[in-house]
Amino acid sequence: MTNKEYITKSLNGLNISEDDIDIILLKGSVNADAPADSRACDMAVYHRMSAVVKSVMQNVSEGGYSISWNMEAVKLFYAALCNELGVENVLVNRPKIRNRSNLW
């Protein structure tokens, strides 16, 4: 299995175009035809999550037939990927600590 096949299969349910997969590989400096390196491929997807989110943000409706994407499922996929890689989940709103001592 090559790196491109690995990414294609791991993102199969998210309707990612082949062009987006090529961009993920290029931006992640991953050789598409090299034997699969799951960590390098997963890091490339992590760093180019914008391409994944862009693909699933499209809701299509035509002549009584519509397709909509479950963004919660995409966020869960991303959270699981972040947890597996041990990196920060940047899609989650983090609580902010503010200095409110002047109000007392």
PDB file of N, CA and C in Angstrom:
ATOM      1  N   MET A   1       0.861  -1.179   0.000  1.00  0.00           N
ATOM      2  CA  MET A   1       0.000   0.000   0.000  1.00  0.00           C
ATOM      3  C   MET A   1       0.899   1.232   0.000  1.00  0.00           C
ATOM      4  N   THR A   2       0.552   2.198  -0.832  1.00  0.00           N
ATOM      5  CA  THR A   2       1.317   3.442  -0.905  1.00  0.00           C
ATOM      6  C   THR A   2       0.713   4.488   0.024  1.00  0.00           C
ATOM      7  N   ASN A   3       1.438   5.583   0.201  1.00  0.00           N
ATOM      8  CA  ASN A   3       0.940   6.672   1.038  1.00  0.00           C
ATOM      9  C   ASN A   3      -0.367   7.237   0.484  1.00  0.00           C
ATOM     10  N   LYS A   4      -0.448   7.382  -0.826  1.00  0.00           N
ATOM     11  CA  LYS A   4      -1.661   7.929  -1.439  1.00  0.00           C
ATOM     12  C   LYS A   4      -2.848   6.996  -1.214  1.00  0.00           C
ATOM     13  N   GLU A   5      -2.632   5.691  -1.352  1.00  0.00           N
ATOM     14  CA  GLU A   5      -3.706   4.729  -1.101  1.00  0.00           C
ATOM     15  C   GLU A   5      -4.146   4.773   0.359  1.00  0.00           C
ATOM     16  N   TYR A   6      -3.188   4.912   1.274  1.00  0.00           N
ATOM     17  CA  TYR A   6      -3.514   4.979   2.700  1.00  0.00           C
ATOM     18  C   TYR A   6      -4.405   6.175   3.004  1.00  0.00           C
ATOM     19  N   ILE A   7      -4.015   7.357   2.510  1.00  0.00           N
ATOM     20  CA  ILE A   7      -4.815   8.559   2.768  1.00  0.00           C
ATOM     21  C   ILE A   7      -6.169   8.453   2.088  1.00  0.00           C
ATOM     22  N   THR A   8      -6.199   7.937   0.871  1.00  0.00           N
ATOM     23  CA  THR A   8      -7.466   7.779   0.153  1.00  0.00           C
ATOM     24  C   THR A   8      -8.419   6.876   0.930  1.00  0.00           C
ATOM     25  N   LYS A   9      -7.912   5.769   1.438  1.00  0.00           N
ATOM     26  CA  LYS A   9      -8.768   4.834   2.180  1.00  0.00           C
ATOM     27  C   LYS A   9      -9.153   5.378   3.550  1.00  0.00           C
ATOM     28  N   SER A  10      -8.242   6.094   4.210  1.00  0.00           N
ATOM     29  CA  SER A  10      -8.568   6.598   5.548  1.00  0.00           C
ATOM     30  C   SER A  10      -9.576   7.744   5.488  1.00  0.00           C
ATOM     31  N   LEU A  11      -9.626   8.484   4.377  1.00  0.00           N
ATOM     32  CA  LEU A  11     -10.571   9.590   4.220  1.00  0.00           C
ATOM     33  C   LEU A  11     -11.719   9.227   3.283  1.00  0.00           C
ATOM     34  N   ASN A  12     -11.913   7.956   3.049  1.00  0.00           N
ATOM     35  CA  ASN A  12     -12.893   7.467   2.082  1.00  0.00           C
ATOM     36  C   ASN A  12     -14.303   7.992   2.319  1.00  0.00           C
ATOM     37  N   GLY A  13     -14.782   7.997   3.536  1.00  0.00           N
ATOM     38  CA  GLY A  13     -16.152   8.405   3.825  1.00  0.00           C
ATOM     39  C   GLY A  13     -16.382   9.905   3.830  1.00  0.00           C
ATOM     40  N   LEU A  14     -15.336  10.699   3.626  1.00  0.00           N
ATOM     41  CA  LEU A  14     -15.465  12.146   3.722  1.00  0.00           C
ATOM     42  C   LEU A  14     -15.562  12.832   2.365  1.00  0.00           C
ATOM     43  N   ASN A  15     -15.627  12.068   1.287  1.00  0.00           N
ATOM     44  CA  ASN A  15     -15.816  12.613  -0.062  1.00  0.00           C
ATOM     45  C   ASN A  15     -14.708  13.595  -0.446  1.00  0.00           C
ATOM     46  N   ILE A  16     -13.463  13.210  -0.207  1.00  0.00           N
ATOM     47  CA  ILE A  16     -12.309  14.035  -0.539  1.00  0.00           C
ATOM     48  C   ILE A  16     -11.918  13.755  -1.987  1.00  0.00           C
ATOM     49  N   SER A  17     -11.709  14.811  -2.748  1.00  0.00           N
ATOM     50  CA  SER A  17     -11.323  14.641  -4.153  1.00  0.00           C
ATOM     51  C   SER A  17      -9.860  14.208  -4.240  1.00  0.00           C
ATOM     52  N   GLU A  18      -9.509  13.649  -5.378  1.00  0.00           N
ATOM     53  CA  GLU A  18      -8.133  13.215  -5.594  1.00  0.00           C
ATOM     54  C   GLU A  18      -7.178  14.412  -5.603  1.00  0.00           C
ATOM     55  N   ASP A  19      -7.659  15.545  -6.095  1.00  0.00           N
ATOM     56  CA  ASP A  19      -6.835  16.762  -6.075  1.00  0.00           C
ATOM     57  C   ASP A  19      -6.519  17.192  -4.648  1.00  0.00           C
ATOM     58  N   ASP A  20      -7.514  17.108  -3.754  1.00  0.00           N
ATOM     59  CA  ASP A  20      -7.287  17.458  -2.346  1.00  0.00           C
ATOM     60  C   ASP A  20      -6.291  16.498  -1.700  1.00  0.00           C
ATOM     61  N   ILE A  21      -6.374  15.225  -2.047  1.00  0.00           N
ATOM     62  CA  ILE A  21      -5.428  14.243  -1.511  1.00  0.00           C
ATOM     63  C   ILE A  21      -4.018  14.548  -2.004  1.00  0.00           C
ATOM     64  N   ASP A  22      -3.885  14.944  -3.272  1.00  0.00           N
ATOM     65  CA  ASP A  22      -2.574  15.325  -3.799  1.00  0.00           C
ATOM     66  C   ASP A  22      -2.018  16.540  -3.071  1.00  0.00           C
ATOM     67  N   ILE A  23      -2.889  17.503  -2.742  1.00  0.00           N
ATOM     68  CA  ILE A  23      -2.447  18.690  -1.999  1.00  0.00           C
ATOM     69  C   ILE A  23      -2.015  18.311  -0.592  1.00  0.00           C
ATOM     70  N   ILE A  24      -2.774  17.426   0.058  1.00  0.00           N
ATOM     71  CA  ILE A  24      -2.401  16.963   1.401  1.00  0.00           C
ATOM     72  C   ILE A  24      -1.020  16.316   1.367  1.00  0.00           C
ATOM     73  N   LEU A  25      -0.782  15.468   0.363  1.00  0.00           N
ATOM     74  CA  LEU A  25       0.517  14.805   0.237  1.00  0.00           C
ATOM     75  C   LEU A  25       1.634  15.805  -0.041  1.00  0.00           C
ATOM     76  N   LEU A  26       1.378  16.750  -0.937  1.00  0.00           N
ATOM     77  CA  LEU A  26       2.388  17.735  -1.293  1.00  0.00           C
ATOM     78  C   LEU A  26       2.732  18.631  -0.118  1.00  0.00           C
ATOM     79  N   LYS A  27       1.709  19.190   0.550  1.00  0.00           N
ATOM     80  CA  LYS A  27       1.941  20.088   1.684  1.00  0.00           C
ATOM     81  C   LYS A  27       2.573  19.361   2.867  1.00  0.00           C
ATOM     82  N   GLY A  28       2.271  18.063   3.002  1.00  0.00           N
ATOM     83  CA  GLY A  28       2.841  17.281   4.096  1.00  0.00           C
ATOM     84  C   GLY A  28       4.203  16.698   3.774  1.00  0.00           C
ATOM     85  N   SER A  29       4.727  17.003   2.571  1.00  0.00           N
ATOM     86  CA  SER A  29       6.026  16.468   2.116  1.00  0.00           C
ATOM     87  C   SER A  29       6.058  14.945   2.193  1.00  0.00           C
ATOM     88  N   VAL A  30       4.971  14.325   1.766  1.00  0.00           N
ATOM     89  CA  VAL A  30       4.857  12.876   1.776  1.00  0.00           C
ATOM     90  C   VAL A  30       4.887  12.390   0.336  1.00  0.00           C
ATOM     91  N   ASN A  31       5.760  11.433   0.047  1.00  0.00           N
ATOM     92  CA  ASN A  31       5.865  10.858  -1.289  1.00  0.00           C
ATOM     93  C   ASN A  31       4.670   9.947  -1.532  1.00  0.00           C
ATOM     94  N   ALA A  32       3.887  10.240  -2.542  1.00  0.00           N
ATOM     95  CA  ALA A  32       2.649   9.502  -2.812  1.00  0.00           C
ATOM     96  C   ALA A  32       2.900   8.043  -3.139  1.00  0.00           C
ATOM     97  N   ASP A  33       3.998   7.730  -3.806  1.00  0.00           N
ATOM     98  CA  ASP A  33       4.250   6.366  -4.276  1.00  0.00           C
ATOM     99  C   ASP A  33       5.120   5.540  -3.344  1.00  0.00           C
ATOM    100  N   ALA A  34       5.577   6.125  -2.249  1.00  0.00           N
ATOM    101  CA  ALA A  34       6.395   5.390  -1.281  1.00  0.00           C
ATOM    102  C   ALA A  34       5.508   4.437  -0.473  1.00  0.00           C
ATOM    103  N   PRO A  35       6.113   3.401   0.101  1.00  0.00           N
ATOM    104  CA  PRO A  35       5.322   2.520   0.973  1.00  0.00           C
ATOM    105  C   PRO A  35       4.683   3.321   2.106  1.00  0.00           C
ATOM    106  N   ALA A  36       3.500   2.911   2.510  1.00  0.00           N
ATOM    107  CA  ALA A  36       2.700   3.672   3.471  1.00  0.00           C
ATOM    108  C   ALA A  36       3.422   3.863   4.797  1.00  0.00           C
ATOM    109  N   ASP A  37       3.473   5.117   5.236  1.00  0.00           N
ATOM    110  CA  ASP A  37       3.956   5.502   6.554  1.00  0.00           C
ATOM    111  C   ASP A  37       2.763   6.162   7.252  1.00  0.00           C
ATOM    112  N   SER A  38       2.065   5.390   8.075  1.00  0.00           N
ATOM    113  CA  SER A  38       0.800   5.858   8.634  1.00  0.00           C
ATOM    114  C   SER A  38       0.966   7.127   9.461  1.00  0.00           C
ATOM    115  N   ARG A  39       2.027   7.249  10.230  1.00  0.00           N
ATOM    116  CA  ARG A  39       2.225   8.445  11.056  1.00  0.00           C
ATOM    117  C   ARG A  39       2.431   9.685  10.179  1.00  0.00           C
ATOM    118  N   ALA A  40       3.255   9.570   9.150  1.00  0.00           N
ATOM    119  CA  ALA A  40       3.501  10.711   8.258  1.00  0.00           C
ATOM    120  C   ALA A  40       2.217  11.103   7.529  1.00  0.00           C
ATOM    121  N   CYS A  41       1.447  10.120   7.099  1.00  0.00           N
ATOM    122  CA  CYS A  41       0.187  10.406   6.403  1.00  0.00           C
ATOM    123  C   CYS A  41      -0.814  11.061   7.350  1.00  0.00           C
ATOM    124  N   ASP A  42      -0.913  10.544   8.566  1.00  0.00           N
ATOM    125  CA  ASP A  42      -1.844  11.115   9.537  1.00  0.00           C
ATOM    126  C   ASP A  42      -1.441  12.542   9.916  1.00  0.00           C
ATOM    127  N   MET A  43      -0.148  12.811  10.030  1.00  0.00           N
ATOM    128  CA  MET A  43       0.312  14.163  10.320  1.00  0.00           C
ATOM    129  C   MET A  43       0.013  15.097   9.146  1.00  0.00           C
ATOM    130  N   ALA A  44       0.134  14.590   7.932  1.00  0.00           N
ATOM    131  CA  ALA A  44      -0.188  15.398   6.754  1.00  0.00           C
ATOM    132  C   ALA A  44      -1.671  15.761   6.758  1.00  0.00           C
ATOM    133  N   VAL A  45      -2.526  14.812   7.105  1.00  0.00           N
ATOM    134  CA  VAL A  45      -3.970  15.084   7.192  1.00  0.00           C
ATOM    135  C   VAL A  45      -4.237  16.082   8.307  1.00  0.00           C
ATOM    136  N   TYR A  46      -3.575  15.917   9.446  1.00  0.00           N
ATOM    137  CA  TYR A  46      -3.753  16.837  10.574  1.00  0.00           C
ATOM    138  C   TYR A  46      -3.413  18.269  10.155  1.00  0.00           C
ATOM    139  N   HIS A  47      -2.284  18.430   9.482  1.00  0.00           N
ATOM    140  CA  HIS A  47      -1.846  19.776   9.096  1.00  0.00           C
ATOM    141  C   HIS A  47      -2.671  20.365   7.968  1.00  0.00           C
ATOM    142  N   ARG A  48      -3.347  19.545   7.191  1.00  0.00           N
ATOM    143  CA  ARG A  48      -4.149  20.041   6.075  1.00  0.00           C
ATOM    144  C   ARG A  48      -5.635  19.734   6.291  1.00  0.00           C
ATOM    145  N   MET A  49      -6.069  19.789   7.534  1.00  0.00           N
ATOM    146  CA  MET A  49      -7.478  19.525   7.832  1.00  0.00           C
ATOM    147  C   MET A  49      -8.390  20.514   7.122  1.00  0.00           C
ATOM    148  N   SER A  50      -7.876  21.667   6.757  1.00  0.00           N
ATOM    149  CA  SER A  50      -8.695  22.649   6.038  1.00  0.00           C
ATOM    150  C   SER A  50      -9.192  22.083   4.710  1.00  0.00           C
ATOM    151  N   ALA A  51      -8.390  21.265   4.045  1.00  0.00           N
ATOM    152  CA  ALA A  51      -8.831  20.649   2.786  1.00  0.00           C
ATOM    153  C   ALA A  51      -9.937  19.641   3.050  1.00  0.00           C
ATOM    154  N   VAL A  52      -9.842  18.931   4.172  1.00  0.00           N
ATOM    155  CA  VAL A  52     -10.870  17.951   4.517  1.00  0.00           C
ATOM    156  C   VAL A  52     -12.171  18.655   4.874  1.00  0.00           C
ATOM    157  N   VAL A  53     -12.079  19.698   5.709  1.00  0.00           N
ATOM    158  CA  VAL A  53     -13.273  20.429   6.128  1.00  0.00           C
ATOM    159  C   VAL A  53     -13.927  21.126   4.936  1.00  0.00           C
ATOM    160  N   LYS A  54     -13.120  21.663   4.044  1.00  0.00           N
ATOM    161  CA  LYS A  54     -13.647  22.336   2.849  1.00  0.00           C
ATOM    162  C   LYS A  54     -14.493  21.377   2.018  1.00  0.00           C
ATOM    163  N   SER A  55     -14.066  20.135   1.921  1.00  0.00           N
ATOM    164  CA  SER A  55     -14.784  19.159   1.108  1.00  0.00           C
ATOM    165  C   SER A  55     -16.114  18.755   1.714  1.00  0.00           C
ATOM    166  N   VAL A  56     -16.197  18.702   3.030  1.00  0.00           N
ATOM    167  CA  VAL A  56     -17.431  18.242   3.660  1.00  0.00           C
ATOM    168  C   VAL A  56     -18.373  19.374   4.024  1.00  0.00           C
ATOM    169  N   MET A  57     -17.960  20.613   3.791  1.00  0.00           N
ATOM    170  CA  MET A  57     -18.816  21.745   4.120  1.00  0.00           C
ATOM    171  C   MET A  57     -19.910  21.963   3.081  1.00  0.00           C
ATOM    172  N   GLN A  58     -19.816  21.277   1.973  1.00  0.00           N
ATOM    173  CA  GLN A  58     -20.749  21.512   0.887  1.00  0.00           C
ATOM    174  C   GLN A  58     -22.024  20.700   1.089  1.00  0.00           C
ATOM    175  N   ASN A  59     -23.157  21.380   1.135  1.00  0.00           N
ATOM    176  CA  ASN A  59     -24.451  20.724   1.136  1.00  0.00           C
ATOM    177  C   ASN A  59     -25.020  20.858  -0.265  1.00  0.00           C
ATOM    178  N   VAL A  60     -25.431  19.755  -0.835  1.00  0.00           N
ATOM    179  CA  VAL A  60     -25.896  19.742  -2.217  1.00  0.00           C
ATOM    180  C   VAL A  60     -27.376  19.414  -2.224  1.00  0.00           C
ATOM    181  N   SER A  61     -28.137  20.181  -2.970  1.00  0.00           N
ATOM    182  CA  SER A  61     -29.566  19.939  -3.122  1.00  0.00           C
ATOM    183  C   SER A  61     -29.934  20.168  -4.574  1.00  0.00           C
ATOM    184  N   GLU A  62     -30.584  19.179  -5.174  1.00  0.00           N
ATOM    185  CA  GLU A  62     -30.964  19.305  -6.572  1.00  0.00           C
ATOM    186  C   GLU A  62     -32.194  18.451  -6.838  1.00  0.00           C
ATOM    187  N   GLY A  63     -33.241  19.088  -7.284  1.00  0.00           N
ATOM    188  CA  GLY A  63     -34.441  18.377  -7.715  1.00  0.00           C
ATOM    189  C   GLY A  63     -35.014  17.400  -6.711  1.00  0.00           C
ATOM    190  N   GLY A  64     -35.132  17.786  -5.468  1.00  0.00           N
ATOM    191  CA  GLY A  64     -35.714  16.914  -4.461  1.00  0.00           C
ATOM    192  C   GLY A  64     -34.731  15.950  -3.835  1.00  0.00           C
ATOM    193  N   TYR A  65     -33.494  15.940  -4.272  1.00  0.00           N
ATOM    194  CA  TYR A  65     -32.452  15.076  -3.720  1.00  0.00           C
ATOM    195  C   TYR A  65     -31.410  15.961  -3.057  1.00  0.00           C
ATOM    196  N   SER A  66     -31.071  15.668  -1.822  1.00  0.00           N
ATOM    197  CA  SER A  66     -30.081  16.500  -1.145  1.00  0.00           C
ATOM    198  C   SER A  66     -29.086  15.635  -0.374  1.00  0.00           C
ATOM    199  N   ILE A  67     -27.900  16.173  -0.245  1.00  0.00           N
ATOM    200  CA  ILE A  67     -26.837  15.546   0.538  1.00  0.00           C
ATOM    201  C   ILE A  67     -26.343  16.583   1.526  1.00  0.00           C
ATOM    202  N   SER A  68     -26.279  16.213   2.790  1.00  0.00           N
ATOM    203  CA  SER A  68     -25.700  17.102   3.792  1.00  0.00           C
ATOM    204  C   SER A  68     -24.704  16.296   4.611  1.00  0.00           C
ATOM    205  N   TRP A  69     -23.704  16.979   5.125  1.00  0.00           N
ATOM    206  CA  TRP A  69     -22.622  16.320   5.838  1.00  0.00           C
ATOM    207  C   TRP A  69     -22.773  16.523   7.337  1.00  0.00           C
ATOM    208  N   ASN A  70     -22.398  15.509   8.068  1.00  0.00           N
ATOM    209  CA  ASN A  70     -22.455  15.531   9.517  1.00  0.00           C
ATOM    210  C   ASN A  70     -21.138  16.104  10.037  1.00  0.00           C
ATOM    211  N   MET A  71     -21.132  17.394  10.336  1.00  0.00           N
ATOM    212  CA  MET A  71     -19.907  18.039  10.806  1.00  0.00           C
ATOM    213  C   MET A  71     -19.460  17.508  12.162  1.00  0.00           C
ATOM    214  N   GLU A  72     -20.400  17.047  12.974  1.00  0.00           N
ATOM    215  CA  GLU A  72     -20.017  16.460  14.267  1.00  0.00           C
ATOM    216  C   GLU A  72     -19.174  15.209  14.055  1.00  0.00           C
ATOM    217  N   ALA A  73     -19.502  14.415  13.036  1.00  0.00           N
ATOM    218  CA  ALA A  73     -18.718  13.219  12.738  1.00  0.00           C
ATOM    219  C   ALA A  73     -17.316  13.599  12.281  1.00  0.00           C
ATOM    220  N   VAL A  74     -17.198  14.663  11.498  1.00  0.00           N
ATOM    221  CA  VAL A  74     -15.882  15.131  11.050  1.00  0.00           C
ATOM    222  C   VAL A  74     -15.072  15.613  12.248  1.00  0.00           C
ATOM    223  N   LYS A  75     -15.711  16.336  13.166  1.00  0.00           N
ATOM    224  CA  LYS A  75     -15.017  16.810  14.364  1.00  0.00           C
ATOM    225  C   LYS A  75     -14.578  15.635  15.237  1.00  0.00           C
ATOM    226  N   LEU A  76     -15.410  14.591  15.332  1.00  0.00           N
ATOM    227  CA  LEU A  76     -15.026  13.409  16.098  1.00  0.00           C
ATOM    228  C   LEU A  76     -13.840  12.697  15.448  1.00  0.00           C
ATOM    229  N   PHE A  77     -13.857  12.608  14.110  1.00  0.00           N
ATOM    230  CA  PHE A  77     -12.738  12.016  13.379  1.00  0.00           C
ATOM    231  C   PHE A  77     -11.459  12.788  13.676  1.00  0.00           C
ATOM    232  N   TYR A  78     -11.550  14.116  13.613  1.00  0.00           N
ATOM    233  CA  TYR A  78     -10.382  14.963  13.851  1.00  0.00           C
ATOM    234  C   TYR A  78      -9.909  14.840  15.297  1.00  0.00           C
ATOM    235  N   ALA A  79     -10.840  14.802  16.243  1.00  0.00           N
ATOM    236  CA  ALA A  79     -10.472  14.660  17.656  1.00  0.00           C
ATOM    237  C   ALA A  79      -9.763  13.326  17.895  1.00  0.00           C
ATOM    238  N   ALA A  80     -10.265  12.264  17.269  1.00  0.00           N
ATOM    239  CA  ALA A  80      -9.625  10.954  17.412  1.00  0.00           C
ATOM    240  C   ALA A  80      -8.231  10.965  16.797  1.00  0.00           C
ATOM    241  N   LEU A  81      -8.092  11.626  15.656  1.00  0.00           N
ATOM    242  CA  LEU A  81      -6.785  11.734  15.006  1.00  0.00           C
ATOM    243  C   LEU A  81      -5.810  12.504  15.892  1.00  0.00           C
ATOM    244  N   CYS A  82      -6.266  13.610  16.479  1.00  0.00           N
ATOM    245  CA  CYS A  82      -5.417  14.408  17.374  1.00  0.00           C
ATOM    246  C   CYS A  82      -5.004  13.601  18.600  1.00  0.00           C
ATOM    247  N   ASN A  83      -5.951  12.862  19.160  1.00  0.00           N
ATOM    248  CA  ASN A  83      -5.671  12.039  20.330  1.00  0.00           C
ATOM    249  C   ASN A  83      -4.653  10.959  19.989  1.00  0.00           C
ATOM    250  N   GLU A  84      -4.809  10.338  18.835  1.00  0.00           N
ATOM    251  CA  GLU A  84      -3.898   9.275  18.409  1.00  0.00           C
ATOM    252  C   GLU A  84      -2.480   9.813  18.181  1.00  0.00           C
ATOM    253  N   LEU A  85      -2.393  11.017  17.606  1.00  0.00           N
ATOM    254  CA  LEU A  85      -1.085  11.603  17.313  1.00  0.00           C
ATOM    255  C   LEU A  85      -0.483  12.341  18.507  1.00  0.00           C
ATOM    256  N   GLY A  86      -1.310  12.639  19.516  1.00  0.00           N
ATOM    257  CA  GLY A  86      -0.829  13.378  20.677  1.00  0.00           C
ATOM    258  C   GLY A  86      -0.572  14.847  20.383  1.00  0.00           C
ATOM    259  N   VAL A  87      -1.408  15.426  19.515  1.00  0.00           N
ATOM    260  CA  VAL A  87      -1.261  16.830  19.131  1.00  0.00           C
ATOM    261  C   VAL A  87      -2.512  17.602  19.540  1.00  0.00           C
ATOM    262  N   GLU A  88      -2.419  18.943  19.463  1.00  0.00           N
ATOM    263  CA  GLU A  88      -3.516  19.803  19.895  1.00  0.00           C
ATOM    264  C   GLU A  88      -4.667  19.784  18.898  1.00  0.00           C
ATOM    265  N   ASN A  89      -5.878  19.728  19.424  1.00  0.00           N
ATOM    266  CA  ASN A  89      -7.084  19.817  18.602  1.00  0.00           C
ATOM    267  C   ASN A  89      -7.433  21.290  18.460  1.00  0.00           C
ATOM    268  N   VAL A  90      -7.189  21.862  17.291  1.00  0.00           N
ATOM    269  CA  VAL A  90      -7.403  23.295  17.089  1.00  0.00           C
ATOM    270  C   VAL A  90      -8.837  23.622  16.690  1.00  0.00           C
ATOM    271  N   LEU A  91      -9.673  22.627  16.469  1.00  0.00           N
ATOM    272  CA  LEU A  91     -11.063  22.879  16.108  1.00  0.00           C
ATOM    273  C   LEU A  91     -11.968  23.059  17.320  1.00  0.00           C
ATOM    274  N   VAL A  92     -11.462  22.748  18.498  1.00  0.00           N
ATOM    275  CA  VAL A  92     -12.255  22.840  19.716  1.00  0.00           C
ATOM    276  C   VAL A  92     -12.056  24.215  20.342  1.00  0.00           C
ATOM    277  N   ASN A  93     -13.152  24.815  20.744  1.00  0.00           N
ATOM    278  CA  ASN A  93     -13.057  26.091  21.462  1.00  0.00           C
ATOM    279  C   ASN A  93     -12.523  25.818  22.858  1.00  0.00           C
ATOM    280  N   ARG A  94     -11.429  26.471  23.184  1.00  0.00           N
ATOM    281  CA  ARG A  94     -10.834  26.295  24.510  1.00  0.00           C
ATOM    282  C   ARG A  94     -11.282  27.437  25.408  1.00  0.00           C
ATOM    283  N   PRO A  95     -11.527  27.148  26.675  1.00  0.00           N
ATOM    284  CA  PRO A  95     -11.902  28.235  27.584  1.00  0.00           C
ATOM    285  C   PRO A  95     -10.740  29.216  27.740  1.00  0.00           C
ATOM    286  N   LYS A  96     -11.084  30.492  27.861  1.00  0.00           N
ATOM    287  CA  LYS A  96     -10.063  31.527  28.016  1.00  0.00           C
ATOM    288  C   LYS A  96     -10.099  32.048  29.441  1.00  0.00           C
ATOM    289  N   ILE A  97      -8.933  32.244  30.003  1.00  0.00           N
ATOM    290  CA  ILE A  97      -8.818  32.789  31.347  1.00  0.00           C
ATOM    291  C   ILE A  97      -8.568  34.289  31.207  1.00  0.00           C
ATOM    292  N   ARG A  98      -9.402  35.038  31.864  1.00  0.00           N
ATOM    293  CA  ARG A  98      -9.279  36.493  31.798  1.00  0.00           C
ATOM    294  C   ARG A  98      -9.097  37.041  33.219  1.00  0.00           C
ATOM    295  N   ASN A  99      -8.380  38.119  33.314  1.00  0.00           N
ATOM    296  CA  ASN A  99      -8.158  38.767  34.595  1.00  0.00           C
ATOM    297  C   ASN A  99      -9.378  39.679  34.880  1.00  0.00           C
ATOM    298  N   ARG A 100     -10.186  39.285  35.828  1.00  0.00           N
ATOM    299  CA  ARG A 100     -11.362  40.069  36.215  1.00  0.00           C
ATOM    300  C   ARG A 100     -11.208  40.609  37.644  1.00  0.00           C
ATOM    301  N   SER A 101      -9.991  40.679  38.119  1.00  0.00           N
ATOM    302  CA  SER A 101      -9.775  41.128  39.501  1.00  0.00           C
ATOM    303  C   SER A 101     -10.152  42.598  39.717  1.00  0.00           C
ATOM    304  N   ASN A 102     -10.176  43.377  38.652  1.00  0.00           N
ATOM    305  CA  ASN A 102     -10.531  44.785  38.801  1.00  0.00           C
ATOM    306  C   ASN A 102     -12.027  44.977  39.104  1.00  0.00           C
ATOM    307  N   LEU A 103     -12.831  43.941  38.935  1.00  0.00           N
ATOM    308  CA  LEU A 103     -14.256  44.042  39.224  1.00  0.00           C
ATOM    309  C   LEU A 103     -14.574  43.868  40.704  1.00  0.00           C
ATOM    310  N   TRP A 104     -13.625  43.382  41.503  1.00  0.00           N
ATOM    311  CA  TRP A 104     -13.911  43.139  42.913  1.00  0.00           C
ATOM    312  C   TRP A 104     -13.615  44.319  43.745  1.00  0.00           C
TER     313      TRP A 104
END
